[in-house]
Amino acid sequence: SPLTLKEYKILHSLMKNTERVYTREQLLLMVWDIHSTTDIR
């Protein structure tokens, strides 16, 4: 399955540390480099 860059970065973040739970805020910061609770959707 082809991935967009954002999809790749999400999976890379999650698969790199399997079993670890990442909050939406952490993923927003790691993937988008944005730190804001209003954008977690």
Full PDB file with SEQRES, HELIX, SHEET, SSBOND, CRYST1, ORIGX, SCALE, CONECT and MASTER records, all heavy atoms in Angstrom:
SEQRES   1 A   41  SER PRO LEU THR LEU LYS GLU TYR LYS ILE LEU HIS SER          
SEQRES   2 A   41  LEU MET LYS ASN THR GLU ARG VAL TYR THR ARG GLU GLN          
SEQRES   3 A   41  LEU LEU LEU MET VAL TRP ASP ILE HIS SER THR THR ASP          
SEQRES   4 A   41  ILE ARG                                                      
HELIX    1 AA1 LEU A    5  LYS A   16  1                                  12    
HELIX    2 AA2 ARG A   24  LEU A   27  1                                   4    
HELIX    3 AA3 LEU A   28  TRP A   32  3                                   5    
HELIX    4 AA4 THR A   37  ASP A   39  5                                   3    
CRYST1    1.000    1.000    1.000  90.00  90.00  90.00 P 1           1          
ORIGX1      1.000000  0.000000  0.000000        0.00000                         
ORIGX2      0.000000  1.000000  0.000000        0.00000                         
ORIGX3      0.000000  0.000000  1.000000        0.00000                         
SCALE1      1.000000  0.000000  0.000000        0.00000                         
SCALE2      0.000000  1.000000  0.000000        0.00000                         
SCALE3      0.000000  0.000000  1.000000        0.00000                         
ATOM      1  N   SER A   1       0.843  -1.190   0.000  1.00  0.00           N  
ATOM      2  CA  SER A   1       0.000   0.000   0.000  1.00  0.00           C  
ATOM      3  C   SER A   1       0.883   1.245   0.000  1.00  0.00           C  
ATOM      4  O   SER A   1       1.745   1.401   0.875  1.00  0.00           O  
ATOM      5  CB  SER A   1      -0.907   0.014   1.234  1.00  0.00           C  
ATOM      6  OG  SER A   1      -1.692   1.199   1.261  1.00  0.00           O  
ATOM      7  N   PRO A   2       0.700   2.147  -0.971  1.00  0.00           N  
ATOM      8  CA  PRO A   2       1.467   3.400  -0.971  1.00  0.00           C  
ATOM      9  C   PRO A   2       1.009   4.303   0.166  1.00  0.00           C  
ATOM     10  O   PRO A   2      -0.157   4.277   0.568  1.00  0.00           O  
ATOM     11  CB  PRO A   2       1.133   4.012  -2.336  1.00  0.00           C  
ATOM     12  CG  PRO A   2      -0.208   3.454  -2.680  1.00  0.00           C  
ATOM     13  CD  PRO A   2      -0.247   2.073  -2.105  1.00  0.00           C  
ATOM     14  N   LEU A   3       1.927   5.111   0.670  1.00  0.00           N  
ATOM     15  CA  LEU A   3       1.640   6.005   1.780  1.00  0.00           C  
ATOM     16  C   LEU A   3       2.002   7.436   1.412  1.00  0.00           C  
ATOM     17  O   LEU A   3       2.942   7.686   0.652  1.00  0.00           O  
ATOM     18  CB  LEU A   3       2.446   5.600   3.022  1.00  0.00           C  
ATOM     19  CG  LEU A   3       2.273   4.186   3.558  1.00  0.00           C  
ATOM     20  CD1 LEU A   3       3.316   3.920   4.634  1.00  0.00           C  
ATOM     21  CD2 LEU A   3       0.861   3.976   4.096  1.00  0.00           C  
ATOM     22  N   THR A   4       1.256   8.382   1.961  1.00  0.00           N  
ATOM     23  CA  THR A   4       1.685   9.776   1.888  1.00  0.00           C  
ATOM     24  C   THR A   4       2.801   9.973   2.916  1.00  0.00           C  
ATOM     25  O   THR A   4       3.035   9.120   3.783  1.00  0.00           O  
ATOM     26  CB  THR A   4       0.538  10.737   2.199  1.00  0.00           C  
ATOM     27  OG1 THR A   4       0.158  10.588   3.579  1.00  0.00           O  
ATOM     28  CG2 THR A   4      -0.671  10.462   1.313  1.00  0.00           C  
ATOM     29  N   LEU A   5       3.481  11.100   2.846  1.00  0.00           N  
ATOM     30  CA  LEU A   5       4.556  11.363   3.800  1.00  0.00           C  
ATOM     31  C   LEU A   5       4.019  11.406   5.228  1.00  0.00           C  
ATOM     32  O   LEU A   5       4.637  10.869   6.152  1.00  0.00           O  
ATOM     33  CB  LEU A   5       5.249  12.685   3.460  1.00  0.00           C  
ATOM     34  CG  LEU A   5       6.418  13.077   4.371  1.00  0.00           C  
ATOM     35  CD1 LEU A   5       7.504  12.010   4.367  1.00  0.00           C  
ATOM     36  CD2 LEU A   5       6.981  14.428   3.961  1.00  0.00           C  
ATOM     37  N   LYS A   6       2.855  12.024   5.435  1.00  0.00           N  
ATOM     38  CA  LYS A   6       2.273  12.093   6.769  1.00  0.00           C  
ATOM     39  C   LYS A   6       1.894  10.700   7.272  1.00  0.00           C  
ATOM     40  O   LYS A   6       2.129  10.363   8.429  1.00  0.00           O  
ATOM     41  CB  LYS A   6       1.050  13.004   6.754  1.00  0.00           C  
ATOM     42  CG  LYS A   6       1.395  14.486   6.778  1.00  0.00           C  
ATOM     43  CD  LYS A   6       1.967  14.875   8.130  1.00  0.00           C  
ATOM     44  CE  LYS A   6       2.311  16.355   8.170  1.00  0.00           C  
ATOM     45  NZ  LYS A   6       3.462  16.710   7.353  1.00  0.00           N  
ATOM     46  N   GLU A   7       1.313   9.868   6.421  1.00  0.00           N  
ATOM     47  CA  GLU A   7       0.952   8.511   6.816  1.00  0.00           C  
ATOM     48  C   GLU A   7       2.196   7.707   7.175  1.00  0.00           C  
ATOM     49  O   GLU A   7       2.206   6.954   8.151  1.00  0.00           O  
ATOM     50  CB  GLU A   7       0.171   7.827   5.692  1.00  0.00           C  
ATOM     51  CG  GLU A   7      -1.217   8.404   5.483  1.00  0.00           C  
ATOM     52  CD  GLU A   7      -1.866   7.946   4.199  1.00  0.00           C  
ATOM     53  OE1 GLU A   7      -1.159   7.382   3.332  1.00  0.00           O  
ATOM     54  OE2 GLU A   7      -3.083   8.159   4.054  1.00  0.00           O  
ATOM     55  N   TYR A   8       3.236   7.889   6.377  1.00  0.00           N  
ATOM     56  CA  TYR A   8       4.488   7.204   6.676  1.00  0.00           C  
ATOM     57  C   TYR A   8       5.031   7.624   8.039  1.00  0.00           C  
ATOM     58  O   TYR A   8       5.456   6.784   8.849  1.00  0.00           O  
ATOM     59  CB  TYR A   8       5.531   7.503   5.594  1.00  0.00           C  
ATOM     60  CG  TYR A   8       6.900   7.000   5.967  1.00  0.00           C  
ATOM     61  CD1 TYR A   8       7.243   5.669   5.789  1.00  0.00           C  
ATOM     62  CD2 TYR A   8       7.824   7.853   6.564  1.00  0.00           C  
ATOM     63  CE1 TYR A   8       8.485   5.198   6.173  1.00  0.00           C  
ATOM     64  CE2 TYR A   8       9.069   7.391   6.949  1.00  0.00           C  
ATOM     65  CZ  TYR A   8       9.395   6.062   6.755  1.00  0.00           C  
ATOM     66  OH  TYR A   8      10.607   5.594   7.150  1.00  0.00           O  
ATOM     67  N   LYS A   9       5.013   8.919   8.307  1.00  0.00           N  
ATOM     68  CA  LYS A   9       5.563   9.421   9.562  1.00  0.00           C  
ATOM     69  C   LYS A   9       4.743   8.951  10.765  1.00  0.00           C  
ATOM     70  O   LYS A   9       5.304   8.660  11.827  1.00  0.00           O  
ATOM     71  CB  LYS A   9       5.642  10.953   9.509  1.00  0.00           C  
ATOM     72  CG  LYS A   9       6.700  11.446   8.530  1.00  0.00           C  
ATOM     73  CD  LYS A   9       6.558  12.924   8.215  1.00  0.00           C  
ATOM     74  CE  LYS A   9       7.077  13.789   9.308  1.00  0.00           C  
ATOM     75  NZ  LYS A   9       7.102  15.232   8.892  1.00  0.00           N  
ATOM     76  N   ILE A  10       3.433   8.875  10.610  1.00  0.00           N  
ATOM     77  CA  ILE A  10       2.588   8.350  11.694  1.00  0.00           C  
ATOM     78  C   ILE A  10       2.956   6.897  11.991  1.00  0.00           C  
ATOM     79  O   ILE A  10       3.184   6.517  13.144  1.00  0.00           O  
ATOM     80  CB  ILE A  10       1.093   8.465  11.326  1.00  0.00           C  
ATOM     81  CG1 ILE A  10       0.644   9.931  11.363  1.00  0.00           C  
ATOM     82  CG2 ILE A  10       0.238   7.651  12.299  1.00  0.00           C  
ATOM     83  CD1 ILE A  10      -0.748  10.150  10.796  1.00  0.00           C  
ATOM     84  N   LEU A  11       3.007   6.070  10.945  1.00  0.00           N  
ATOM     85  CA  LEU A  11       3.323   4.660  11.142  1.00  0.00           C  
ATOM     86  C   LEU A  11       4.750   4.477  11.658  1.00  0.00           C  
ATOM     87  O   LEU A  11       5.009   3.612  12.498  1.00  0.00           O  
ATOM     88  CB  LEU A  11       3.129   3.885   9.840  1.00  0.00           C  
ATOM     89  CG  LEU A  11       1.678   3.657   9.419  1.00  0.00           C  
ATOM     90  CD1 LEU A  11       1.623   2.960   8.066  1.00  0.00           C  
ATOM     91  CD2 LEU A  11       0.932   2.827  10.462  1.00  0.00           C  
ATOM     92  N   HIS A  12       5.665   5.280  11.159  1.00  0.00           N  
ATOM     93  CA  HIS A  12       7.044   5.181  11.622  1.00  0.00           C  
ATOM     94  C   HIS A  12       7.129   5.471  13.121  1.00  0.00           C  
ATOM     95  O   HIS A  12       7.828   4.772  13.869  1.00  0.00           O  
ATOM     96  CB  HIS A  12       7.936   6.140  10.840  1.00  0.00           C  
ATOM     97  CG  HIS A  12       9.397   5.942  11.079  1.00  0.00           C  
ATOM     98  ND1 HIS A  12      10.058   6.479  12.162  1.00  0.00           N  
ATOM     99  CD2 HIS A  12      10.330   5.233  10.386  1.00  0.00           C  
ATOM    100  CE1 HIS A  12      11.325   6.141  12.117  1.00  0.00           C  
ATOM    101  NE2 HIS A  12      11.516   5.380  11.055  1.00  0.00           N  
ATOM    102  N   SER A  13       6.419   6.490  13.560  1.00  0.00           N  
ATOM    103  CA  SER A  13       6.427   6.853  14.982  1.00  0.00           C  
ATOM    104  C   SER A  13       5.859   5.722  15.836  1.00  0.00           C  
ATOM    105  O   SER A  13       6.405   5.386  16.893  1.00  0.00           O  
ATOM    106  CB  SER A  13       5.622   8.133  15.209  1.00  0.00           C  
ATOM    107  OG  SER A  13       6.184   9.221  14.509  1.00  0.00           O  
ATOM    108  N   LEU A  14       4.743   5.122  15.385  1.00  0.00           N  
ATOM    109  CA  LEU A  14       4.085   4.077  16.166  1.00  0.00           C  
ATOM    110  C   LEU A  14       4.837   2.744  16.101  1.00  0.00           C  
ATOM    111  O   LEU A  14       5.003   2.067  17.121  1.00  0.00           O  
ATOM    112  CB  LEU A  14       2.654   3.884  15.670  1.00  0.00           C  
ATOM    113  CG  LEU A  14       1.701   5.074  15.870  1.00  0.00           C  
ATOM    114  CD1 LEU A  14       0.375   4.796  15.179  1.00  0.00           C  
ATOM    115  CD2 LEU A  14       1.477   5.354  17.349  1.00  0.00           C  
ATOM    116  N   MET A  15       5.289   2.356  14.905  1.00  0.00           N  
ATOM    117  CA  MET A  15       5.941   1.053  14.741  1.00  0.00           C  
ATOM    118  C   MET A  15       7.354   1.028  15.300  1.00  0.00           C  
ATOM    119  O   MET A  15       7.882  -0.040  15.620  1.00  0.00           O  
ATOM    120  CB  MET A  15       5.940   0.660  13.264  1.00  0.00           C  
ATOM    121  CG  MET A  15       4.551   0.405  12.695  1.00  0.00           C  
ATOM    122  SD  MET A  15       4.534   0.089  10.911  1.00  0.00           S  
ATOM    123  CE  MET A  15       5.362  -1.510  10.839  1.00  0.00           C  
ATOM    124  N   LYS A  16       7.966   2.189  15.412  1.00  0.00           N  
ATOM    125  CA  LYS A  16       9.325   2.247  15.961  1.00  0.00           C  
ATOM    126  C   LYS A  16       9.330   1.790  17.422  1.00  0.00           C  
ATOM    127  O   LYS A  16      10.291   1.178  17.880  1.00  0.00           O  
ATOM    128  CB  LYS A  16       9.857   3.677  15.848  1.00  0.00           C  
ATOM    129  CG  LYS A  16      11.293   3.852  16.316  1.00  0.00           C  
ATOM    130  CD  LYS A  16      11.809   5.236  15.951  1.00  0.00           C  
ATOM    131  CE  LYS A  16      10.973   6.317  16.607  1.00  0.00           C  
ATOM    132  NZ  LYS A  16      11.528   7.673  16.356  1.00  0.00           N  
ATOM    133  N   ASN A  17       8.267   2.113  18.146  1.00  0.00           N  
ATOM    134  CA  ASN A  17       8.150   1.715  19.550  1.00  0.00           C  
ATOM    135  C   ASN A  17       6.818   0.989  19.744  1.00  0.00           C  
ATOM    136  O   ASN A  17       5.838   1.570  20.216  1.00  0.00           O  
ATOM    137  CB  ASN A  17       8.226   2.937  20.466  1.00  0.00           C  
ATOM    138  CG  ASN A  17       9.586   3.610  20.416  1.00  0.00           C  
ATOM    139  OD1 ASN A  17      10.586   3.034  20.809  1.00  0.00           O  
ATOM    140  ND2 ASN A  17       9.620   4.825  19.903  1.00  0.00           N  
ATOM    141  N   THR A  18       6.785  -0.269  19.327  1.00  0.00           N  
ATOM    142  CA  THR A  18       5.548  -1.037  19.424  1.00  0.00           C  
ATOM    143  C   THR A  18       5.122  -1.177  20.883  1.00  0.00           C  
ATOM    144  O   THR A  18       5.961  -1.194  21.792  1.00  0.00           O  
ATOM    145  CB  THR A  18       5.722  -2.427  18.809  1.00  0.00           C  
ATOM    146  OG1 THR A  18       6.805  -3.095  19.457  1.00  0.00           O  
ATOM    147  CG2 THR A  18       5.992  -2.336  17.322  1.00  0.00           C  
ATOM    148  N   GLU A  19       3.825  -1.260  21.073  1.00  0.00           N  
ATOM    149  CA  GLU A  19       3.182  -1.395  22.379  1.00  0.00           C  
ATOM    150  C   GLU A  19       3.120  -0.067  23.146  1.00  0.00           C  
ATOM    151  O   GLU A  19       2.324   0.075  24.064  1.00  0.00           O  
ATOM    152  CB  GLU A  19       3.851  -2.460  23.256  1.00  0.00           C  
ATOM    153  CG  GLU A  19       3.964  -3.831  22.599  1.00  0.00           C  
ATOM    154  CD  GLU A  19       2.619  -4.459  22.291  1.00  0.00           C  
ATOM    155  OE1 GLU A  19       1.670  -4.256  23.043  1.00  0.00           O  
ATOM    156  OE2 GLU A  19       2.529  -5.162  21.262  1.00  0.00           O  
ATOM    157  N   ARG A  20       3.949   0.897  22.776  1.00  0.00           N  
ATOM    158  CA  ARG A  20       3.892   2.187  23.473  1.00  0.00           C  
ATOM    159  C   ARG A  20       2.666   2.958  23.002  1.00  0.00           C  
ATOM    160  O   ARG A  20       2.367   3.003  21.800  1.00  0.00           O  
ATOM    161  CB  ARG A  20       5.146   3.008  23.211  1.00  0.00           C  
ATOM    162  CG  ARG A  20       5.080   4.408  23.820  1.00  0.00           C  
ATOM    163  CD  ARG A  20       6.339   5.195  23.606  1.00  0.00           C  
ATOM    164  NE  ARG A  20       6.172   6.573  24.049  1.00  0.00           N  
ATOM    165  CZ  ARG A  20       7.139   7.496  24.017  1.00  0.00           C  
ATOM    166  NH1 ARG A  20       8.340   7.180  23.577  1.00  0.00           N  
ATOM    167  NH2 ARG A  20       6.887   8.728  24.422  1.00  0.00           N  
ATOM    168  N   VAL A  21       1.971   3.582  23.930  1.00  0.00           N  
ATOM    169  CA  VAL A  21       0.810   4.405  23.592  1.00  0.00           C  
ATOM    170  C   VAL A  21       1.267   5.851  23.430  1.00  0.00           C  
ATOM    171  O   VAL A  21       1.895   6.417  24.333  1.00  0.00           O  
ATOM    172  CB  VAL A  21      -0.273   4.315  24.682  1.00  0.00           C  
ATOM    173  CG1 VAL A  21      -1.446   5.228  24.333  1.00  0.00           C  
ATOM    174  CG2 VAL A  21      -0.747   2.877  24.847  1.00  0.00           C  
ATOM    175  N   TYR A  22       0.960   6.423  22.264  1.00  0.00           N  
ATOM    176  CA  TYR A  22       1.269   7.825  22.013  1.00  0.00           C  
ATOM    177  C   TYR A  22      -0.021   8.638  22.093  1.00  0.00           C  
ATOM    178  O   TYR A  22      -1.036   8.267  21.499  1.00  0.00           O  
ATOM    179  CB  TYR A  22       1.884   8.012  20.623  1.00  0.00           C  
ATOM    180  CG  TYR A  22       3.319   7.546  20.534  1.00  0.00           C  
ATOM    181  CD1 TYR A  22       3.620   6.250  20.151  1.00  0.00           C  
ATOM    182  CD2 TYR A  22       4.369   8.409  20.841  1.00  0.00           C  
ATOM    183  CE1 TYR A  22       4.935   5.817  20.070  1.00  0.00           C  
ATOM    184  CE2 TYR A  22       5.682   7.987  20.759  1.00  0.00           C  
ATOM    185  CZ  TYR A  22       5.967   6.688  20.380  1.00  0.00           C  
ATOM    186  OH  TYR A  22       7.267   6.276  20.300  1.00  0.00           O  
ATOM    187  N   THR A  23       0.032   9.746  22.795  1.00  0.00           N  
ATOM    188  CA  THR A  23      -1.130  10.624  22.847  1.00  0.00           C  
ATOM    189  C   THR A  23      -1.260  11.364  21.529  1.00  0.00           C  
ATOM    190  O   THR A  23      -0.303  11.457  20.739  1.00  0.00           O  
ATOM    191  CB  THR A  23      -1.005  11.651  23.986  1.00  0.00           C  
ATOM    192  OG1 THR A  23       0.075  12.567  23.680  1.00  0.00           O  
ATOM    193  CG2 THR A  23      -0.735  10.971  25.320  1.00  0.00           C  
ATOM    194  N   ARG A  24      -2.436  11.898  21.283  1.00  0.00           N  
ATOM    195  CA  ARG A  24      -2.649  12.688  20.074  1.00  0.00           C  
ATOM    196  C   ARG A  24      -1.715  13.896  20.056  1.00  0.00           C  
ATOM    197  O   ARG A  24      -1.209  14.294  19.008  1.00  0.00           O  
ATOM    198  CB  ARG A  24      -4.114  13.142  19.996  1.00  0.00           C  
ATOM    199  CG  ARG A  24      -5.089  11.994  19.759  1.00  0.00           C  
ATOM    200  CD  ARG A  24      -6.526  12.438  19.965  1.00  0.00           C  
ATOM    201  NE  ARG A  24      -7.478  11.400  19.612  1.00  0.00           N  
ATOM    202  CZ  ARG A  24      -7.827  10.410  20.432  1.00  0.00           C  
ATOM    203  NH1 ARG A  24      -7.270  10.332  21.640  1.00  0.00           N  
ATOM    204  NH2 ARG A  24      -8.704   9.511  20.048  1.00  0.00           N  
ATOM    205  N   GLU A  25      -1.511  14.502  21.209  1.00  0.00           N  
ATOM    206  CA  GLU A  25      -0.635  15.667  21.300  1.00  0.00           C  
ATOM    207  C   GLU A  25       0.812  15.301  20.930  1.00  0.00           C  
ATOM    208  O   GLU A  25       1.501  16.064  20.247  1.00  0.00           O  
ATOM    209  CB  GLU A  25      -0.676  16.271  22.710  1.00  0.00           C  
ATOM    210  CG  GLU A  25      -1.983  16.951  23.070  1.00  0.00           C  
ATOM    211  CD  GLU A  25      -3.057  15.967  23.548  1.00  0.00           C  
ATOM    212  OE1 GLU A  25      -2.787  14.736  23.553  1.00  0.00           O  
ATOM    213  OE2 GLU A  25      -4.149  16.430  23.906  1.00  0.00           O  
ATOM    214  N   GLN A  26       1.255  14.120  21.354  1.00  0.00           N  
ATOM    215  CA  GLN A  26       2.607  13.680  21.014  1.00  0.00           C  
ATOM    216  C   GLN A  26       2.755  13.442  19.514  1.00  0.00           C  
ATOM    217  O   GLN A  26       3.762  13.837  18.910  1.00  0.00           O  
ATOM    218  CB  GLN A  26       2.952  12.400  21.789  1.00  0.00           C  
ATOM    219  CG  GLN A  26       3.202  12.620  23.272  1.00  0.00           C  
ATOM    220  CD  GLN A  26       3.341  11.323  24.038  1.00  0.00           C  
ATOM    221  OE1 GLN A  26       2.698  10.319  23.717  1.00  0.00           O  
ATOM    222  NE2 GLN A  26       4.189  11.318  25.050  1.00  0.00           N  
ATOM    223  N   LEU A  27       1.756  12.797  18.909  1.00  0.00           N  
ATOM    224  CA  LEU A  27       1.810  12.564  17.467  1.00  0.00           C  
ATOM    225  C   LEU A  27       1.745  13.870  16.688  1.00  0.00           C  
ATOM    226  O   LEU A  27       2.432  14.029  15.665  1.00  0.00           O  
ATOM    227  CB  LEU A  27       0.666  11.639  17.043  1.00  0.00           C  
ATOM    228  CG  LEU A  27       0.811  10.176  17.470  1.00  0.00           C  
ATOM    229  CD1 LEU A  27      -0.476   9.409  17.187  1.00  0.00           C  
ATOM    230  CD2 LEU A  27       1.989   9.516  16.760  1.00  0.00           C  
ATOM    231  N   LEU A  28       0.942  14.800  17.163  1.00  0.00           N  
ATOM    232  CA  LEU A  28       0.847  16.100  16.501  1.00  0.00           C  
ATOM    233  C   LEU A  28       2.203  16.792  16.493  1.00  0.00           C  
ATOM    234  O   LEU A  28       2.609  17.391  15.487  1.00  0.00           O  
ATOM    235  CB  LEU A  28      -0.193  16.969  17.213  1.00  0.00           C  
ATOM    236  CG  LEU A  28      -0.673  18.227  16.498  1.00  0.00           C  
ATOM    237  CD1 LEU A  28      -1.443  17.862  15.238  1.00  0.00           C  
ATOM    238  CD2 LEU A  28      -1.544  19.062  17.416  1.00  0.00           C  
ATOM    239  N   LEU A  29       2.910  16.692  17.596  1.00  0.00           N  
ATOM    240  CA  LEU A  29       4.217  17.331  17.698  1.00  0.00           C  
ATOM    241  C   LEU A  29       5.264  16.592  16.856  1.00  0.00           C  
ATOM    242  O   LEU A  29       6.070  17.217  16.154  1.00  0.00           O  
ATOM    243  CB  LEU A  29       4.658  17.370  19.163  1.00  0.00           C  
ATOM    244  CG  LEU A  29       5.947  18.137  19.471  1.00  0.00           C  
ATOM    245  CD1 LEU A  29       5.822  19.595  19.040  1.00  0.00           C  
ATOM    246  CD2 LEU A  29       6.281  18.054  20.943  1.00  0.00           C  
ATOM    247  N   MET A  30       5.249  15.243  16.888  1.00  0.00           N  
ATOM    248  CA  MET A  30       6.251  14.467  16.158  1.00  0.00           C  
ATOM    249  C   MET A  30       6.061  14.527  14.651  1.00  0.00           C  
ATOM    250  O   MET A  30       7.028  14.622  13.894  1.00  0.00           O  
ATOM    251  CB  MET A  30       6.214  13.003  16.614  1.00  0.00           C  
ATOM    252  CG  MET A  30       6.744  12.775  18.012  1.00  0.00           C  
ATOM    253  SD  MET A  30       6.919  11.002  18.407  1.00  0.00           S  
ATOM    254  CE  MET A  30       5.208  10.478  18.367  1.00  0.00           C  
ATOM    255  N   VAL A  31       4.805  14.469  14.207  1.00  0.00           N  
ATOM    256  CA  VAL A  31       4.527  14.362  12.777  1.00  0.00           C  
ATOM    257  C   VAL A  31       4.347  15.723  12.125  1.00  0.00           C  
ATOM    258  O   VAL A  31       4.829  15.972  11.021  1.00  0.00           O  
ATOM    259  CB  VAL A  31       3.285  13.481  12.539  1.00  0.00           C  
ATOM    260  CG1 VAL A  31       2.929  13.430  11.065  1.00  0.00           C  
ATOM    261  CG2 VAL A  31       3.523  12.070  13.076  1.00  0.00           C  
ATOM    262  N   TRP A  32       3.650  16.639  12.808  1.00  0.00           N  
ATOM    263  CA  TRP A  32       3.366  17.957  12.229  1.00  0.00           C  
ATOM    264  C   TRP A  32       4.237  19.067  12.800  1.00  0.00           C  
ATOM    265  O   TRP A  32       4.213  20.176  12.303  1.00  0.00           O  
ATOM    266  CB  TRP A  32       1.899  18.326  12.445  1.00  0.00           C  
ATOM    267  CG  TRP A  32       0.953  17.649  11.515  1.00  0.00           C  
ATOM    268  CD1 TRP A  32       0.491  18.131  10.317  1.00  0.00           C  
ATOM    269  CD2 TRP A  32       0.335  16.367  11.687  1.00  0.00           C  
ATOM    270  NE1 TRP A  32      -0.362  17.223   9.745  1.00  0.00           N  
ATOM    271  CE2 TRP A  32      -0.488  16.130  10.557  1.00  0.00           C  
ATOM    272  CE3 TRP A  32       0.386  15.395  12.691  1.00  0.00           C  
ATOM    273  CZ2 TRP A  32      -1.238  14.970  10.412  1.00  0.00           C  
ATOM    274  CZ3 TRP A  32      -0.360  14.240  12.547  1.00  0.00           C  
ATOM    275  CH2 TRP A  32      -1.156  14.035  11.422  1.00  0.00           C  
ATOM    276  N   ASP A  33       4.957  18.770  13.867  1.00  0.00           N  
ATOM    277  CA  ASP A  33       5.758  19.773  14.567  1.00  0.00           C  
ATOM    278  C   ASP A  33       4.887  20.934  15.054  1.00  0.00           C  
ATOM    279  O   ASP A  33       5.267  22.092  14.989  1.00  0.00           O  
ATOM    280  CB  ASP A  33       6.880  20.308  13.670  1.00  0.00           C  
ATOM    281  CG  ASP A  33       7.947  21.037  14.472  1.00  0.00           C  
ATOM    282  OD1 ASP A  33       8.054  20.771  15.683  1.00  0.00           O  
ATOM    283  OD2 ASP A  33       8.648  21.885  13.903  1.00  0.00           O  
ATOM    284  N   ILE A  34       3.666  20.588  15.489  1.00  0.00           N  
ATOM    285  CA  ILE A  34       2.730  21.576  16.010  1.00  0.00           C  
ATOM    286  C   ILE A  34       2.343  21.156  17.420  1.00  0.00           C  
ATOM    287  O   ILE A  34       2.039  19.992  17.659  1.00  0.00           O  
ATOM    288  CB  ILE A  34       1.463  21.674  15.136  1.00  0.00           C  
ATOM    289  CG1 ILE A  34       1.827  22.116  13.721  1.00  0.00           C  
ATOM    290  CG2 ILE A  34       0.440  22.630  15.744  1.00  0.00           C  
ATOM    291  CD1 ILE A  34       0.674  22.014  12.750  1.00  0.00           C  
ATOM    292  N   HIS A  35       2.365  22.085  18.334  1.00  0.00           N  
ATOM    293  CA  HIS A  35       1.992  21.776  19.718  1.00  0.00           C  
ATOM    294  C   HIS A  35       0.758  22.603  20.076  1.00  0.00           C  
ATOM    295  O   HIS A  35       0.858  23.760  20.459  1.00  0.00           O  
ATOM    296  CB  HIS A  35       3.134  22.097  20.668  1.00  0.00           C  
ATOM    297  CG  HIS A  35       2.858  21.694  22.087  1.00  0.00           C  
ATOM    298  ND1 HIS A  35       2.631  20.391  22.448  1.00  0.00           N  
ATOM    299  CD2 HIS A  35       2.765  22.425  23.222  1.00  0.00           C  
ATOM    300  CE1 HIS A  35       2.424  20.324  23.748  1.00  0.00           C  
ATOM    301  NE2 HIS A  35       2.484  21.550  24.241  1.00  0.00           N  
ATOM    302  N   SER A  36      -0.427  22.002  19.895  1.00  0.00           N  
ATOM    303  CA  SER A  36      -1.674  22.730  20.165  1.00  0.00           C  
ATOM    304  C   SER A  36      -2.804  21.741  20.367  1.00  0.00           C  
ATOM    305  O   SER A  36      -3.054  20.893  19.526  1.00  0.00           O  
ATOM    306  CB  SER A  36      -2.011  23.668  18.999  1.00  0.00           C  
ATOM    307  OG  SER A  36      -3.285  24.233  19.170  1.00  0.00           O  
ATOM    308  N   THR A  37      -3.483  21.840  21.497  1.00  0.00           N  
ATOM    309  CA  THR A  37      -4.582  20.924  21.786  1.00  0.00           C  
ATOM    310  C   THR A  37      -5.766  21.155  20.861  1.00  0.00           C  
ATOM    311  O   THR A  37      -6.610  20.278  20.690  1.00  0.00           O  
ATOM    312  CB  THR A  37      -5.047  21.068  23.242  1.00  0.00           C  
ATOM    313  OG1 THR A  37      -5.412  22.442  23.488  1.00  0.00           O  
ATOM    314  CG2 THR A  37      -3.940  20.665  24.203  1.00  0.00           C  
ATOM    315  N   THR A  38      -5.851  22.340  20.241  1.00  0.00           N  
ATOM    316  CA  THR A  38      -6.996  22.625  19.379  1.00  0.00           C  
ATOM    317  C   THR A  38      -6.898  21.919  18.040  1.00  0.00           C  
ATOM    318  O   THR A  38      -7.880  21.850  17.310  1.00  0.00           O  
ATOM    319  CB  THR A  38      -7.114  24.146  19.122  1.00  0.00           C  
ATOM    320  OG1 THR A  38      -5.903  24.609  18.502  1.00  0.00           O  
ATOM    321  CG2 THR A  38      -7.347  24.894  20.422  1.00  0.00           C  
ATOM    322  N   ASP A  39      -5.721  21.358  17.701  1.00  0.00           N  
ATOM    323  CA  ASP A  39      -5.522  20.748  16.389  1.00  0.00           C  
ATOM    324  C   ASP A  39      -5.473  19.220  16.446  1.00  0.00           C  
ATOM    325  O   ASP A  39      -5.163  18.588  15.442  1.00  0.00           O  
ATOM    326  CB  ASP A  39      -4.221  21.253  15.750  1.00  0.00           C  
ATOM    327  CG  ASP A  39      -4.275  22.732  15.422  1.00  0.00           C  
ATOM    328  OD1 ASP A  39      -5.369  23.244  15.158  1.00  0.00           O  
ATOM    329  OD2 ASP A  39      -3.207  23.353  15.442  1.00  0.00           O  
ATOM    330  N   ILE A  40      -5.768  18.622  17.602  1.00  0.00           N  
ATOM    331  CA  ILE A  40      -5.594  17.172  17.718  1.00  0.00           C  
ATOM    332  C   ILE A  40      -6.559  16.398  16.834  1.00  0.00           C  
ATOM    333  O   ILE A  40      -6.322  15.234  16.533  1.00  0.00           O  
ATOM    334  CB  ILE A  40      -5.711  16.701  19.184  1.00  0.00           C  
ATOM    335  CG1 ILE A  40      -7.093  17.045  19.756  1.00  0.00           C  
ATOM    336  CG2 ILE A  40      -4.594  17.286  20.028  1.00  0.00           C  
ATOM    337  CD1 ILE A  40      -7.310  16.473  21.147  1.00  0.00           C  
ATOM    338  N   ARG A  41      -7.660  17.028  16.388  1.00  0.00           N  
ATOM    339  CA  ARG A  41      -8.594  16.317  15.521  1.00  0.00           C  
ATOM    340  C   ARG A  41      -7.961  15.916  14.203  1.00  0.00           C  
ATOM    341  O   ARG A  41      -8.399  14.968  13.550  1.00  0.00           O  
ATOM    342  CB  ARG A  41      -9.841  17.177  15.273  1.00  0.00           C  
ATOM    343  CG  ARG A  41     -10.800  17.211  16.449  1.00  0.00           C  
ATOM    344  CD  ARG A  41     -11.990  18.093  16.150  1.00  0.00           C  
ATOM    345  NE  ARG A  41     -11.600  19.494  16.056  1.00  0.00           N  
ATOM    346  CZ  ARG A  41     -12.423  20.476  15.668  1.00  0.00           C  
ATOM    347  NH1 ARG A  41     -13.665  20.181  15.310  1.00  0.00           N  
ATOM    348  NH2 ARG A  41     -12.010  21.721  15.625  1.00  0.00           N  
TER     349      ARG A  41                                                      
MASTER        0    0    0    4    0    0    0    6  348    1    0    4          
END                                                                             
